C-alpha atoms as a PDB file:
ATOM      1  CA  MET A   1      50.157  13.078  61.733  1.00  0.00           C
ATOM      2  CA  GLY A   2      53.727  14.010  62.576  1.00  0.00           C
ATOM      3  CA  TRP A   3      55.725  16.699  60.848  1.00  0.00           C
ATOM      4  CA  GLU A   4      58.751  14.939  59.443  1.00  0.00           C
ATOM      5  CA  MET A   5      58.693  16.491  56.001  1.00  0.00           C
ATOM      6  CA  GLU A   6      61.702  14.551  54.762  1.00  0.00           C
ATOM      7  CA  THR A   7      59.924  11.218  55.212  1.00  0.00           C
ATOM      8  CA  LYS A   8      56.640  12.092  53.473  1.00  0.00           C
ATOM      9  CA  ARG A   9      55.630   9.633  50.772  1.00  0.00           C
ATOM     10  CA  HIS A  10      52.356  11.222  49.779  1.00  0.00           C
ATOM     11  CA  VAL A  11      50.494  14.485  50.200  1.00  0.00           C
ATOM     12  CA  PRO A  12      49.379  14.653  53.858  1.00  0.00           C
ATOM     13  CA  ILE A  13      45.618  14.865  54.323  1.00  0.00           C
ATOM     14  CA  GLY A  14      44.014  15.997  57.539  1.00  0.00           C
ATOM     15  CA  VAL A  15      40.605  14.854  58.750  1.00  0.00           C
ATOM     16  CA  THR A  16      38.935  17.038  61.369  1.00  0.00           C
ATOM     17  CA  PHE A  17      35.417  16.489  62.681  1.00  0.00           C
ATOM     18  CA  TYR A  18      33.314  19.342  64.048  1.00  0.00           C
ATOM     19  CA  PRO A  19      32.005  19.056  67.633  1.00  0.00           C
ATOM     20  CA  ASP A  20      28.471  18.212  66.462  1.00  0.00           C
ATOM     21  CA  TRP A  21      29.841  15.062  64.770  1.00  0.00           C
ATOM     22  CA  TRP A  22      31.340  13.930  68.058  1.00  0.00           C
ATOM     23  CA  TYR A  23      28.329  14.851  70.142  1.00  0.00           C
ATOM     24  CA  GLU A  24      25.671  13.356  67.865  1.00  0.00           C
ATOM     25  CA  ASN A  25      27.629  10.163  67.178  1.00  0.00           C
ATOM     26  CA  TYR A  26      29.204   9.508  70.588  1.00  0.00           C
ATOM     27  CA  GLY A  27      27.794  11.980  73.105  1.00  0.00           C
ATOM     28  CA  ILE A  28      31.142  13.710  73.649  1.00  0.00           C
ATOM     29  CA  SER A  29      30.357  17.209  74.904  1.00  0.00           C
ATOM     30  CA  PHE A  30      32.308  20.422  74.326  1.00  0.00           C
ATOM     31  CA  GLU A  31      30.738  22.518  77.084  1.00  0.00           C
ATOM     32  CA  GLU A  32      32.702  24.393  79.749  1.00  0.00           C
ATOM     33  CA  ARG A  33      33.978  21.203  81.350  1.00  0.00           C
ATOM     34  CA  TYR A  34      35.927  20.269  78.231  1.00  0.00           C
ATOM     35  CA  TYR A  35      37.933  23.502  78.431  1.00  0.00           C
ATOM     36  CA  PHE A  36      38.193  23.936  82.218  1.00  0.00           C
ATOM     37  CA  ASP A  37      38.684  20.340  83.430  1.00  0.00           C
ATOM     38  CA  PRO A  38      41.980  19.016  82.035  1.00  0.00           C
ATOM     39  CA  GLU A  39      41.414  15.421  83.170  1.00  0.00           C
ATOM     40  CA  TYR A  40      37.989  15.319  81.517  1.00  0.00           C
ATOM     41  CA  ARG A  41      39.545  16.705  78.335  1.00  0.00           C
ATOM     42  CA  ILE A  42      42.280  14.061  78.384  1.00  0.00           C
ATOM     43  CA  GLU A  43      39.663  11.330  78.794  1.00  0.00           C
ATOM     44  CA  ALA A  44      37.567  12.806  75.976  1.00  0.00           C
ATOM     45  CA  GLN A  45      40.588  12.942  73.670  1.00  0.00           C
ATOM     46  CA  MET A  46      41.401   9.291  74.377  1.00  0.00           C
ATOM     47  CA  GLU A  47      37.789   8.305  73.752  1.00  0.00           C
ATOM     48  CA  MET A  48      37.809  10.183  70.442  1.00  0.00           C
ATOM     49  CA  SER A  49      40.975   8.438  69.367  1.00  0.00           C
ATOM     50  CA  LYS A  50      39.461   5.025  70.154  1.00  0.00           C
ATOM     51  CA  ARG A  51      36.234   5.852  68.324  1.00  0.00           C
ATOM     52  CA  LEU A  52      38.138   7.014  65.264  1.00  0.00           C
ATOM     53  CA  TYR A  53      40.076   3.766  65.208  1.00  0.00           C
ATOM     54  CA  GLU A  54      36.896   1.699  65.454  1.00  0.00           C
ATOM     55  CA  ARG A  55      35.365   3.609  62.577  1.00  0.00           C
ATOM     56  CA  PHE A  56      38.301   4.518  60.345  1.00  0.00           C
ATOM     57  CA  GLY A  57      41.208   2.397  61.556  1.00  0.00           C
ATOM     58  CA  ASP A  58      41.335   0.741  58.137  1.00  0.00           C
ATOM     59  CA  VAL A  59      42.521   4.056  56.645  1.00  0.00           C
ATOM     60  CA  GLY A  60      44.858   4.923  59.494  1.00  0.00           C
ATOM     61  CA  LEU A  61      42.805   7.160  61.765  1.00  0.00           C
ATOM     62  CA  GLY A  62      42.693   6.849  65.529  1.00  0.00           C
ATOM     63  CA  ASN A  63      44.463   4.609  68.001  1.00  0.00           C
ATOM     64  CA  PRO A  64      43.060   1.555  69.790  1.00  0.00           C
ATOM     65  CA  ASN A  65      45.269   2.166  72.828  1.00  0.00           C
ATOM     66  CA  PRO A  66      45.869   5.912  73.135  1.00  0.00           C
ATOM     67  CA  THR A  67      48.052   7.323  75.874  1.00  0.00           C
ATOM     68  CA  PRO A  68      47.037  10.409  77.862  1.00  0.00           C
ATOM     69  CA  ARG A  69      47.921  13.721  76.209  1.00  0.00           C
ATOM     70  CA  PRO A  70      48.288  16.648  78.635  1.00  0.00           C
ATOM     71  CA  LEU A  71      46.486  18.956  76.234  1.00  0.00           C
ATOM     72  CA  ILE A  72      45.555  22.604  76.619  1.00  0.00           C
ATOM     73  CA  THR A  73      43.086  24.310  74.272  1.00  0.00           C
ATOM     74  CA  PHE A  74      40.534  27.115  74.380  1.00  0.00           C
ATOM     75  CA  GLY A  75      39.062  27.520  70.925  1.00  0.00           C
ATOM     76  CA  MET A  76      39.345  31.037  69.509  1.00  0.00           C
ATOM     77  CA  VAL A  77      37.876  32.873  72.483  1.00  0.00           C
ATOM     78  CA  MET A  78      40.709  33.444  74.962  1.00  0.00           C
ATOM     79  CA  LEU A  79      41.535  37.032  74.019  1.00  0.00           C
ATOM     80  CA  PRO A  80      37.894  38.039  73.447  1.00  0.00           C
ATOM     81  CA  ALA A  81      37.148  36.725  76.951  1.00  0.00           C
ATOM     82  CA  VAL A  82      40.110  38.619  78.428  1.00  0.00           C
ATOM     83  CA  PHE A  83      38.749  41.834  76.857  1.00  0.00           C
ATOM     84  CA  GLY A  84      35.362  41.150  78.467  1.00  0.00           C
ATOM     85  CA  CYS A  85      33.308  39.307  75.859  1.00  0.00           C
ATOM     86  CA  GLU A  86      30.712  36.843  77.107  1.00  0.00           C
ATOM     87  CA  ILE A  87      31.602  33.331  75.954  1.00  0.00           C
ATOM     88  CA  VAL A  88      28.895  30.886  74.916  1.00  0.00           C
ATOM     89  CA  PHE A  89      29.723  27.196  75.330  1.00  0.00           C
ATOM     90  CA  SER A  90      27.674  24.444  73.673  1.00  0.00           C
ATOM     91  CA  LYS A  91      27.688  20.657  73.696  1.00  0.00           C
ATOM     92  CA  ASP A  92      27.972  20.435  69.921  1.00  0.00           C
ATOM     93  CA  GLN A  93      29.747  23.641  68.861  1.00  0.00           C
ATOM     94  CA  LEU A  94      33.012  25.457  69.365  1.00  0.00           C
ATOM     95  CA  PRO A  95      32.874  28.248  71.964  1.00  0.00           C
ATOM     96  CA  TRP A  96      31.698  31.588  70.648  1.00  0.00           C
ATOM     97  CA  ALA A  97      32.405  35.140  71.849  1.00  0.00           C
ATOM     98  CA  ILE A  98      29.599  37.686  71.797  1.00  0.00           C
ATOM     99  CA  PRO A  99      30.892  41.057  70.482  1.00  0.00           C
ATOM    100  CA  LEU A 100      31.232  43.927  72.965  1.00  0.00           C
ATOM    101  CA  ASN A 101      30.265  46.571  70.375  1.00  0.00           C
ATOM    102  CA  LEU A 102      32.214  49.258  72.233  1.00  0.00           C
ATOM    103  CA  SER A 103      31.576  52.893  71.387  1.00  0.00           C
ATOM    104  CA  GLU A 104      34.207  55.166  69.843  1.00  0.00           C
ATOM    105  CA  ASP A 105      34.853  56.757  73.238  1.00  0.00           C
ATOM    106  CA  LYS A 106      35.366  53.348  74.858  1.00  0.00           C
ATOM    107  CA  ILE A 107      37.755  52.310  72.073  1.00  0.00           C
ATOM    108  CA  TRP A 108      39.862  55.430  72.603  1.00  0.00           C
ATOM    109  CA  GLU A 109      40.014  54.608  76.326  1.00  0.00           C
ATOM    110  CA  LEU A 110      40.980  50.993  75.645  1.00  0.00           C
ATOM    111  CA  LYS A 111      44.369  49.678  76.729  1.00  0.00           C
ATOM    112  CA  LYS A 112      46.008  46.284  76.456  1.00  0.00           C
ATOM    113  CA  PRO A 113      44.766  44.167  79.370  1.00  0.00           C
ATOM    114  CA  ASP A 114      46.981  42.337  81.833  1.00  0.00           C
ATOM    115  CA  ILE A 115      46.473  39.088  79.940  1.00  0.00           C
ATOM    116  CA  LEU A 116      48.340  36.688  82.212  1.00  0.00           C
ATOM    117  CA  ASN A 117      46.457  37.915  85.285  1.00  0.00           C
ATOM    118  CA  SER A 118      43.027  38.022  83.659  1.00  0.00           C
ATOM    119  CA  TRP A 119      40.317  35.361  83.548  1.00  0.00           C
ATOM    120  CA  PRO A 120      40.193  32.873  81.836  1.00  0.00           C
ATOM    121  CA  MET A 121      43.945  32.900  81.157  1.00  0.00           C
ATOM    122  CA  THR A 122      44.528  32.531  84.892  1.00  0.00           C
ATOM    123  CA  GLU A 123      42.602  29.255  84.779  1.00  0.00           C
ATOM    124  CA  ILE A 124      44.588  28.005  81.786  1.00  0.00           C
ATOM    125  CA  ILE A 125      47.863  28.813  83.544  1.00  0.00           C
ATOM    126  CA  LYS A 126      46.662  26.737  86.523  1.00  0.00           C
ATOM    127  CA  GLN A 127      45.946  23.896  84.104  1.00  0.00           C
ATOM    128  CA  MET A 128      49.432  24.246  82.629  1.00  0.00           C
ATOM    129  CA  ASP A 129      51.001  24.051  86.060  1.00  0.00           C
ATOM    130  CA  TYR A 130      48.887  21.013  86.979  1.00  0.00           C
ATOM    131  CA  LEU A 131      49.561  19.126  83.739  1.00  0.00           C
ATOM    132  CA  GLU A 132      53.272  19.913  83.800  1.00  0.00           C
ATOM    133  CA  GLY A 133      53.493  18.684  87.365  1.00  0.00           C
ATOM    134  CA  LYS A 134      51.646  15.447  86.657  1.00  0.00           C
ATOM    135  CA  TYR A 135      52.866  14.556  83.160  1.00  0.00           C
ATOM    136  CA  GLY A 136      56.143  16.451  82.929  1.00  0.00           C
ATOM    137  CA  LYS A 137      55.034  18.359  79.830  1.00  0.00           C
ATOM    138  CA  ILE A 138      52.199  20.235  78.147  1.00  0.00           C
ATOM    139  CA  VAL A 139      50.978  19.782  74.577  1.00  0.00           C
ATOM    140  CA  GLY A 140      48.737  22.050  72.574  1.00  0.00           C
ATOM    141  CA  ASP A 141      48.509  25.826  72.717  1.00  0.00           C
ATOM    142  CA  ILE A 142      46.016  28.688  72.781  1.00  0.00           C
ATOM    143  CA  ASN A 143      44.435  30.099  69.617  1.00  0.00           C
ATOM    144  CA  THR A 144      45.196  33.821  69.759  1.00  0.00           C
ATOM    145  CA  THR A 145      42.633  34.648  67.021  1.00  0.00           C
ATOM    146  CA  GLY A 146      43.580  37.102  64.265  1.00  0.00           C
ATOM    147  CA  VAL A 147      43.951  40.883  64.495  1.00  0.00           C
ATOM    148  CA  GLN A 148      40.737  41.750  62.657  1.00  0.00           C
ATOM    149  CA  ASN A 149      38.878  38.853  64.311  1.00  0.00           C
ATOM    150  CA  LEU A 150      39.681  40.284  67.744  1.00  0.00           C
ATOM    151  CA  ALA A 151      38.956  43.873  66.707  1.00  0.00           C
ATOM    152  CA  LEU A 152      35.505  42.829  65.492  1.00  0.00           C
ATOM    153  CA  LYS A 153      34.767  41.164  68.842  1.00  0.00           C
ATOM    154  CA  ILE A 154      35.665  44.416  70.597  1.00  0.00           C
ATOM    155  CA  ARG A 155      34.242  47.053  68.234  1.00  0.00           C
ATOM    156  CA  GLY A 156      31.633  45.028  66.368  1.00  0.00           C
ATOM    157  CA  ASP A 157      30.712  45.459  62.709  1.00  0.00           C
ATOM    158  CA  SER A 158      31.229  49.219  63.052  1.00  0.00           C
ATOM    159  CA  LEU A 159      34.885  48.422  62.398  1.00  0.00           C
ATOM    160  CA  TYR A 160      34.080  48.024  58.701  1.00  0.00           C
ATOM    161  CA  ILE A 161      32.734  51.599  58.653  1.00  0.00           C
ATOM    162  CA  ASP A 162      35.673  52.843  60.694  1.00  0.00           C
ATOM    163  CA  TYR A 163      38.027  51.707  57.939  1.00  0.00           C
ATOM    164  CA  PHE A 164      36.582  54.459  55.751  1.00  0.00           C
ATOM    165  CA  GLU A 165      35.553  57.080  58.301  1.00  0.00           C
ATOM    166  CA  ASN A 166      37.928  56.782  61.265  1.00  0.00           C
ATOM    167  CA  PRO A 167      41.360  55.423  60.323  1.00  0.00           C
ATOM    168  CA  LYS A 168      43.080  56.636  63.498  1.00  0.00           C
ATOM    169  CA  LEU A 169      40.573  54.797  65.664  1.00  0.00           C
ATOM    170  CA  CYS A 170      41.190  51.637  63.627  1.00  0.00           C
ATOM    171  CA  HIS A 171      44.933  51.768  64.084  1.00  0.00           C
ATOM    172  CA  HIS A 172      44.561  52.424  67.816  1.00  0.00           C
ATOM    173  CA  LEU A 173      42.384  49.319  68.200  1.00  0.00           C
ATOM    174  CA  LEU A 174      44.348  47.114  65.802  1.00  0.00           C
ATOM    175  CA  GLY A 175      47.588  48.022  67.553  1.00  0.00           C
ATOM    176  CA  ILE A 176      46.202  46.940  70.939  1.00  0.00           C
ATOM    177  CA  CYS A 177      44.938  43.689  69.412  1.00  0.00           C
ATOM    178  CA  THR A 178      48.340  42.998  67.893  1.00  0.00           C
ATOM    179  CA  GLU A 179      50.217  43.605  71.147  1.00  0.00           C
ATOM    180  CA  SER A 180      47.810  41.243  72.935  1.00  0.00           C
ATOM    181  CA  ILE A 181      48.229  38.512  70.334  1.00  0.00           C
ATOM    182  CA  VAL A 182      52.021  38.697  70.519  1.00  0.00           C
ATOM    183  CA  GLU A 183      52.044  38.570  74.343  1.00  0.00           C
ATOM    184  CA  LEU A 184      49.718  35.562  74.514  1.00  0.00           C
ATOM    185  CA  PHE A 185      51.614  33.680  71.841  1.00  0.00           C
ATOM    186  CA  GLN A 186      55.025  34.284  73.351  1.00  0.00           C
ATOM    187  CA  TYR A 187      53.946  33.144  76.825  1.00  0.00           C
ATOM    188  CA  VAL A 188      52.277  29.957  75.622  1.00  0.00           C
ATOM    189  CA  TYR A 189      55.101  29.167  73.193  1.00  0.00           C
ATOM    190  CA  LYS A 190      57.660  29.323  75.997  1.00  0.00           C
ATOM    191  CA  ARG A 191      55.696  26.696  77.909  1.00  0.00           C
ATOM    192  CA  THR A 192      54.587  24.339  75.130  1.00  0.00           C
ATOM    193  CA  GLY A 193      56.944  24.976  72.202  1.00  0.00           C
ATOM    194  CA  THR A 194      54.045  25.157  69.752  1.00  0.00           C
ATOM    195  CA  GLY A 195      51.808  27.822  68.265  1.00  0.00           C
ATOM    196  CA  ALA A 196      49.750  26.073  65.582  1.00  0.00           C
ATOM    197  CA  MET A 197      47.986  23.113  67.186  1.00  0.00           C
ATOM    198  CA  ASP A 198      44.894  25.017  68.348  1.00  0.00           C
ATOM    199  CA  VAL A 199      44.455  26.504  64.859  1.00  0.00           C
ATOM    200  CA  THR A 200      45.314  23.783  62.371  1.00  0.00           C
ATOM    201  CA  PRO A 201      46.787  20.258  62.443  1.00  0.00           C
ATOM    202  CA  MET A 202      48.393  20.814  59.039  1.00  0.00           C
ATOM    203  CA  ALA A 203      51.177  23.260  59.945  1.00  0.00           C
ATOM    204  CA  ASP A 204      54.423  22.371  61.606  1.00  0.00           C
ATOM    205  CA  PRO A 205      53.330  22.679  65.273  1.00  0.00           C
ATOM    206  CA  LYS A 206      56.339  24.885  65.984  1.00  0.00           C
ATOM    207  CA  THR A 207      54.952  27.533  63.656  1.00  0.00           C
ATOM    208  CA  PHE A 208      52.879  30.366  65.070  1.00  0.00           C
ATOM    209  CA  VAL A 209      49.706  30.361  62.991  1.00  0.00           C
ATOM    210  CA  VAL A 210      47.319  33.294  63.248  1.00  0.00           C
ATOM    211  CA  PRO A 211      43.742  32.689  62.045  1.00  0.00           C
ATOM    212  CA  ASN A 212      42.552  35.383  59.632  1.00  0.00           C
ATOM    213  CA  CYS A 213      38.993  34.088  59.532  1.00  0.00           C
ATOM    214  CA  THR A 214      37.380  37.395  58.562  1.00  0.00           C
ATOM    215  CA  VAL A 215      39.911  38.812  56.086  1.00  0.00           C
ATOM    216  CA  GLU A 216      37.875  37.371  53.200  1.00  0.00           C
ATOM    217  CA  GLN A 217      35.285  40.042  54.000  1.00  0.00           C
ATOM    218  CA  ILE A 218      37.527  42.968  53.018  1.00  0.00           C
ATOM    219  CA  SER A 219      39.368  44.057  49.894  1.00  0.00           C
ATOM    220  CA  ARG A 220      43.066  43.730  49.233  1.00  0.00           C
ATOM    221  CA  THR A 221      43.404  47.529  49.507  1.00  0.00           C
ATOM    222  CA  THR A 222      41.800  47.554  52.943  1.00  0.00           C
ATOM    223  CA  TYR A 223      43.878  44.584  54.065  1.00  0.00           C
ATOM    224  CA  GLU A 224      47.149  46.155  52.970  1.00  0.00           C
ATOM    225  CA  GLU A 225      46.337  49.545  54.498  1.00  0.00           C
ATOM    226  CA  TYR A 226      44.996  48.360  57.835  1.00  0.00           C
ATOM    227  CA  LEU A 227      45.968  44.766  58.606  1.00  0.00           C
ATOM    228  CA  LEU A 228      49.132  43.914  56.685  1.00  0.00           C
ATOM    229  CA  PRO A 229      51.343  46.119  58.923  1.00  0.00           C
ATOM    230  CA  TYR A 230      50.108  44.235  61.979  1.00  0.00           C
ATOM    231  CA  ASP A 231      50.512  40.782  60.436  1.00  0.00           C
ATOM    232  CA  ILE A 232      54.071  41.844  59.612  1.00  0.00           C
ATOM    233  CA  GLN A 233      54.543  42.998  63.218  1.00  0.00           C
ATOM    234  CA  ILE A 234      53.383  39.623  64.526  1.00  0.00           C
ATOM    235  CA  SER A 235      55.604  37.804  62.035  1.00  0.00           C
ATOM    236  CA  GLU A 236      58.647  39.803  63.131  1.00  0.00           C
ATOM    237  CA  ALA A 237      57.962  38.975  66.786  1.00  0.00           C
ATOM    238  CA  CYS A 238      56.805  35.373  66.332  1.00  0.00           C
ATOM    239  CA  GLN A 239      58.821  33.190  64.018  1.00  0.00           C
ATOM    240  CA  PRO A 240      58.258  30.889  62.207  1.00  0.00           C
ATOM    241  CA  PHE A 241      54.988  32.520  61.141  1.00  0.00           C
ATOM    242  CA  GLY A 242      51.947  31.215  59.276  1.00  0.00           C
ATOM    243  CA  ILE A 243      48.401  32.284  58.419  1.00  0.00           C
ATOM    244  CA  HIS A 244      45.134  30.376  58.405  1.00  0.00           C
ATOM    245  CA  HIS A 245      42.780  32.049  55.903  1.00  0.00           C
ATOM    246  CA  CYS A 246      39.110  31.079  55.709  1.00  0.00           C
ATOM    247  CA  GLY A 247      37.423  31.193  52.319  1.00  0.00           C
ATOM    248  CA  SER A 248      39.054  32.127  49.041  1.00  0.00           C
ATOM    249  CA  VAL A 249      42.484  33.701  49.437  1.00  0.00           C
ATOM    250  CA  ASP A 250      42.512  35.113  45.915  1.00  0.00           C
ATOM    251  CA  GLU A 251      41.587  38.713  46.821  1.00  0.00           C
ATOM    252  CA  VAL A 252      44.363  39.271  49.394  1.00  0.00           C
ATOM    253  CA  LEU A 253      46.986  36.811  48.164  1.00  0.00           C
ATOM    254  CA  GLU A 254      49.371  39.532  46.959  1.00  0.00           C
ATOM    255  CA  GLY A 255      49.031  41.187  50.347  1.00  0.00           C
ATOM    256  CA  TYR A 256      50.127  38.023  52.126  1.00  0.00           C
ATOM    257  CA  SER A 257      53.084  37.758  49.750  1.00  0.00           C
ATOM    258  CA  LYS A 258      54.443  40.982  51.288  1.00  0.00           C
ATOM    259  CA  ILE A 259      54.937  39.287  54.677  1.00  0.00           C
ATOM    260  CA  GLU A 260      58.623  38.462  54.398  1.00  0.00           C
ATOM    261  CA  GLY A 261      58.638  35.859  57.168  1.00  0.00           C
ATOM    262  CA  LEU A 262      55.594  33.886  56.013  1.00  0.00           C
ATOM    263  CA  SER A 263      56.352  30.149  55.964  1.00  0.00           C
ATOM    264  CA  PHE A 264      52.853  28.576  55.946  1.00  0.00           C
ATOM    265  CA  LEU A 265      49.506  29.524  54.435  1.00  0.00           C
ATOM    266  CA  GLU A 266      46.264  27.600  54.883  1.00  0.00           C
ATOM    267  CA  ILE A 267      43.758  28.563  52.202  1.00  0.00           C
ATOM    268  CA  GLY A 268      40.028  27.997  52.181  1.00  0.00           C
ATOM    269  CA  PHE A 269      38.051  26.103  49.571  1.00  0.00           C
ATOM    270  CA  GLY A 270      37.461  28.056  46.380  1.00  0.00           C
ATOM    271  CA  SER A 271      41.025  29.385  46.361  1.00  0.00           C
ATOM    272  CA  ASN A 272      43.124  29.226  43.220  1.00  0.00           C
ATOM    273  CA  VAL A 273      45.820  26.855  44.468  1.00  0.00           C
ATOM    274  CA  LYS A 274      47.977  27.195  41.362  1.00  0.00           C
ATOM    275  CA  ARG A 275      48.005  30.983  41.631  1.00  0.00           C
ATOM    276  CA  ALA A 276      48.864  30.767  45.330  1.00  0.00           C
ATOM    277  CA  ARG A 277      51.897  28.673  44.401  1.00  0.00           C
ATOM    278  CA  GLU A 278      52.934  31.126  41.691  1.00  0.00           C
ATOM    279  CA  VAL A 279      52.631  34.165  43.957  1.00  0.00           C
ATOM    280  CA  LEU A 280      54.162  32.713  47.131  1.00  0.00           C
ATOM    281  CA  GLY A 281      56.759  30.419  45.583  1.00  0.00           C
ATOM    282  CA  PRO A 282      57.814  26.920  46.611  1.00  0.00           C
ATOM    283  CA  SER A 283      59.262  27.805  50.025  1.00  0.00           C
ATOM    284  CA  VAL A 284      55.886  28.628  51.614  1.00  0.00           C
ATOM    285  CA  ALA A 285      54.019  25.515  52.749  1.00  0.00           C
ATOM    286  CA  ILE A 286      50.420  25.532  51.508  1.00  0.00           C
ATOM    287  CA  ASN A 287      47.478  23.630  52.933  1.00  0.00           C
ATOM    288  CA  ALA A 288      44.381  23.589  50.726  1.00  0.00           C
ATOM    289  CA  ARG A 289      41.024  22.876  52.325  1.00  0.00           C
ATOM    290  CA  ILE A 290      38.153  20.885  50.852  1.00  0.00           C
ATOM    291  CA  SER A 291      34.645  22.257  51.275  1.00  0.00           C
ATOM    292  CA  PRO A 292      32.830  20.573  54.202  1.00  0.00           C
ATOM    293  CA  VAL A 293      29.609  20.988  52.178  1.00  0.00           C
ATOM    294  CA  LEU A 294      31.099  18.917  49.373  1.00  0.00           C
ATOM    295  CA  MET A 295      32.346  16.361  51.881  1.00  0.00           C
ATOM    296  CA  LYS A 296      28.840  16.045  53.329  1.00  0.00           C
ATOM    297  CA  ASN A 297      26.692  16.224  50.201  1.00  0.00           C
ATOM    298  CA  GLY A 298      28.984  15.010  47.423  1.00  0.00           C
ATOM    299  CA  THR A 299      29.559  11.484  46.195  1.00  0.00           C
ATOM    300  CA  PRO A 300      32.793   9.551  46.797  1.00  0.00           C
ATOM    301  CA  GLU A 301      33.561  10.020  43.103  1.00  0.00           C
ATOM    302  CA  GLU A 302      33.183  13.791  43.397  1.00  0.00           C
ATOM    303  CA  ILE A 303      35.389  13.825  46.474  1.00  0.00           C
ATOM    304  CA  GLU A 304      38.066  11.841  44.666  1.00  0.00           C
ATOM    305  CA  MET A 305      37.952  14.216  41.697  1.00  0.00           C
ATOM    306  CA  GLU A 306      38.265  17.266  43.959  1.00  0.00           C
ATOM    307  CA  VAL A 307      41.282  15.826  45.782  1.00  0.00           C
ATOM    308  CA  LYS A 308      42.976  15.052  42.477  1.00  0.00           C
ATOM    309  CA  ARG A 309      42.180  18.538  41.122  1.00  0.00           C
ATOM    310  CA  ILE A 310      43.748  20.205  44.140  1.00  0.00           C
ATOM    311  CA  ILE A 311      46.814  17.954  44.025  1.00  0.00           C
ATOM    312  CA  ASP A 312      47.338  18.782  40.356  1.00  0.00           C
ATOM    313  CA  GLN A 313      47.618  22.469  41.320  1.00  0.00           C
ATOM    314  CA  GLY A 314      49.733  22.021  44.440  1.00  0.00           C
ATOM    315  CA  SER A 315      53.226  21.285  43.129  1.00  0.00           C
ATOM    316  CA  PRO A 316      55.791  21.175  44.669  1.00  0.00           C
ATOM    317  CA  LEU A 317      54.047  18.459  46.636  1.00  0.00           C
ATOM    318  CA  GLU A 318      56.873  18.184  49.179  1.00  0.00           C
ATOM    319  CA  ASN A 319      55.525  21.412  50.695  1.00  0.00           C
ATOM    320  CA  PHE A 320      51.802  20.827  50.182  1.00  0.00           C
ATOM    321  CA  SER A 321      48.907  19.302  52.109  1.00  0.00           C
ATOM    322  CA  ILE A 322      45.106  18.967  52.089  1.00  0.00           C
ATOM    323  CA  ASP A 323      42.597  19.263  54.914  1.00  0.00           C
ATOM    324  CA  THR A 324      38.983  18.076  55.158  1.00  0.00           C
ATOM    325  CA  VAL A 325      38.208  20.507  57.956  1.00  0.00           C
ATOM    326  CA  GLY A 326      34.980  20.848  59.905  1.00  0.00           C
ATOM    327  CA  LEU A 327      33.249  17.597  58.958  1.00  0.00           C
ATOM    328  CA  THR A 328      29.774  17.836  60.442  1.00  0.00           C
ATOM    329  CA  TYR A 329      27.288  15.208  61.605  1.00  0.00           C
ATOM    330  CA  GLY A 330      25.897  13.339  58.621  1.00  0.00           C
ATOM    331  CA  THR A 331      29.088  13.389  56.549  1.00  0.00           C
ATOM    332  CA  PRO A 332      29.179   9.927  54.932  1.00  0.00           C
ATOM    333  CA  ASP A 333      31.998   7.680  56.119  1.00  0.00           C
ATOM    334  CA  GLN A 334      32.646   6.636  52.534  1.00  0.00           C
ATOM    335  CA  ASN A 335      33.418  10.266  51.638  1.00  0.00           C
ATOM    336  CA  VAL A 336      36.035  10.454  54.372  1.00  0.00           C
ATOM    337  CA  ARG A 337      37.644   7.266  53.088  1.00  0.00           C
ATOM    338  CA  ALA A 338      37.478   8.507  49.497  1.00  0.00           C
ATOM    339  CA  ALA A 339      39.399  11.690  50.366  1.00  0.00           C
ATOM    340  CA  ILE A 340      42.075   9.852  52.349  1.00  0.00           C
ATOM    341  CA  LEU A 341      42.626   7.156  49.734  1.00  0.00           C
ATOM    342  CA  ALA A 342      42.689   9.638  46.842  1.00  0.00           C
ATOM    343  CA  ALA A 343      45.434  11.679  48.523  1.00  0.00           C
ATOM    344  CA  ARG A 344      47.482   8.576  49.254  1.00  0.00           C
ATOM    345  CA  GLU A 345      47.114   6.960  45.868  1.00  0.00           C
ATOM    346  CA  TYR A 346      47.227  10.054  43.655  1.00  0.00           C
ATOM    347  CA  GLY A 347      49.414  12.377  45.682  1.00  0.00           C
ATOM    348  CA  VAL A 348      52.560  10.276  45.775  1.00  0.00           C
ATOM    349  CA  ILE A 349      55.589  12.518  46.217  1.00  0.00           C
ATOM    350  CA  GLY A 350      57.717  12.462  43.074  1.00  0.00           C
ATOM    351  CA  ASP A 351      55.014  10.767  40.978  1.00  0.00           C
ATOM    352  CA  GLN A 352      54.940  12.585  37.634  1.00  0.00           C
ATOM    353  CA  LYS A 353      51.179  12.210  37.297  1.00  0.00           C
ATOM    354  CA  CYS A 354      50.867  14.591  40.261  1.00  0.00           C
ATOM    355  CA  GLN A 355      52.899  17.333  38.612  1.00  0.00           C
ATOM    356  CA  ARG A 356      50.419  18.403  35.934  1.00  0.00           C
ATOM    357  CA  LEU A 357      49.381  22.049  36.428  1.00  0.00           C
END
């Protein structure tokens, strides 16, 4: 979907399939080659677009004749890899970084790495140069991961204890993570003009979206004391700024409202969408996610009801969207169609039936 907000006629709905769906259905692999061979990745993307059209073209997904997209991507593991984490690649999963679990002494010795001259960023820069030379442009970007996400990959779960027993150590580590995130974002943004595509398809691509995938695991007090200052620092350096939040946002919502430059918030299933609107106001774009478990195990009728429920809480709809993220192998096709059709038929912009809260 494009981001021409002024031309929207209904609430946008995103459909994103997890790698196991692609591998089990069509044999498309997401091992190292997908991330390190740009021509293979372009071919895989075109194949996925064709397959989507064959399967869901009746509801507008896919393209029967896709053109090559000079895409860069690296999951959420670039900065963990730069810091030294081992990366696990799988045919049917997103890449995963194994935590370093550094000791306190090693954390105190830690400094921001030379990101642009460190592997695997050096390989991605080569890909950028190659794609720019061949196609005249680059699309996509690199997921920087969030501040706490990265800190956990470096320190391990001991970080949660450090919050209570070693605040100075926390701020030392979180500060290094923040500086690294800002440097990676600013370099990639200069070359591609986008900062959201590797995180979510639902934000304006020109927004820098940081994924706060682990913030649900801490309290609002802990977030505001330890992480909010660094999210604010990123927002001040990287505008326009947005946040992807996994799980319910309810606990830390007021904390996010203190980020003055926040323009987009993606909230996980279970979040109180109406309250998010009340706290953040109409100027912040909100994307509400539907549970992939419901999408897989629910009935089309239940899916339709959930889409309508979320839409009823999302006003103003001009600044609202829905995402069926992470659809795994075995998700019924009829559930995908049910979600898409419900958003189109019920979420018409300006339709009074969509304004009930």
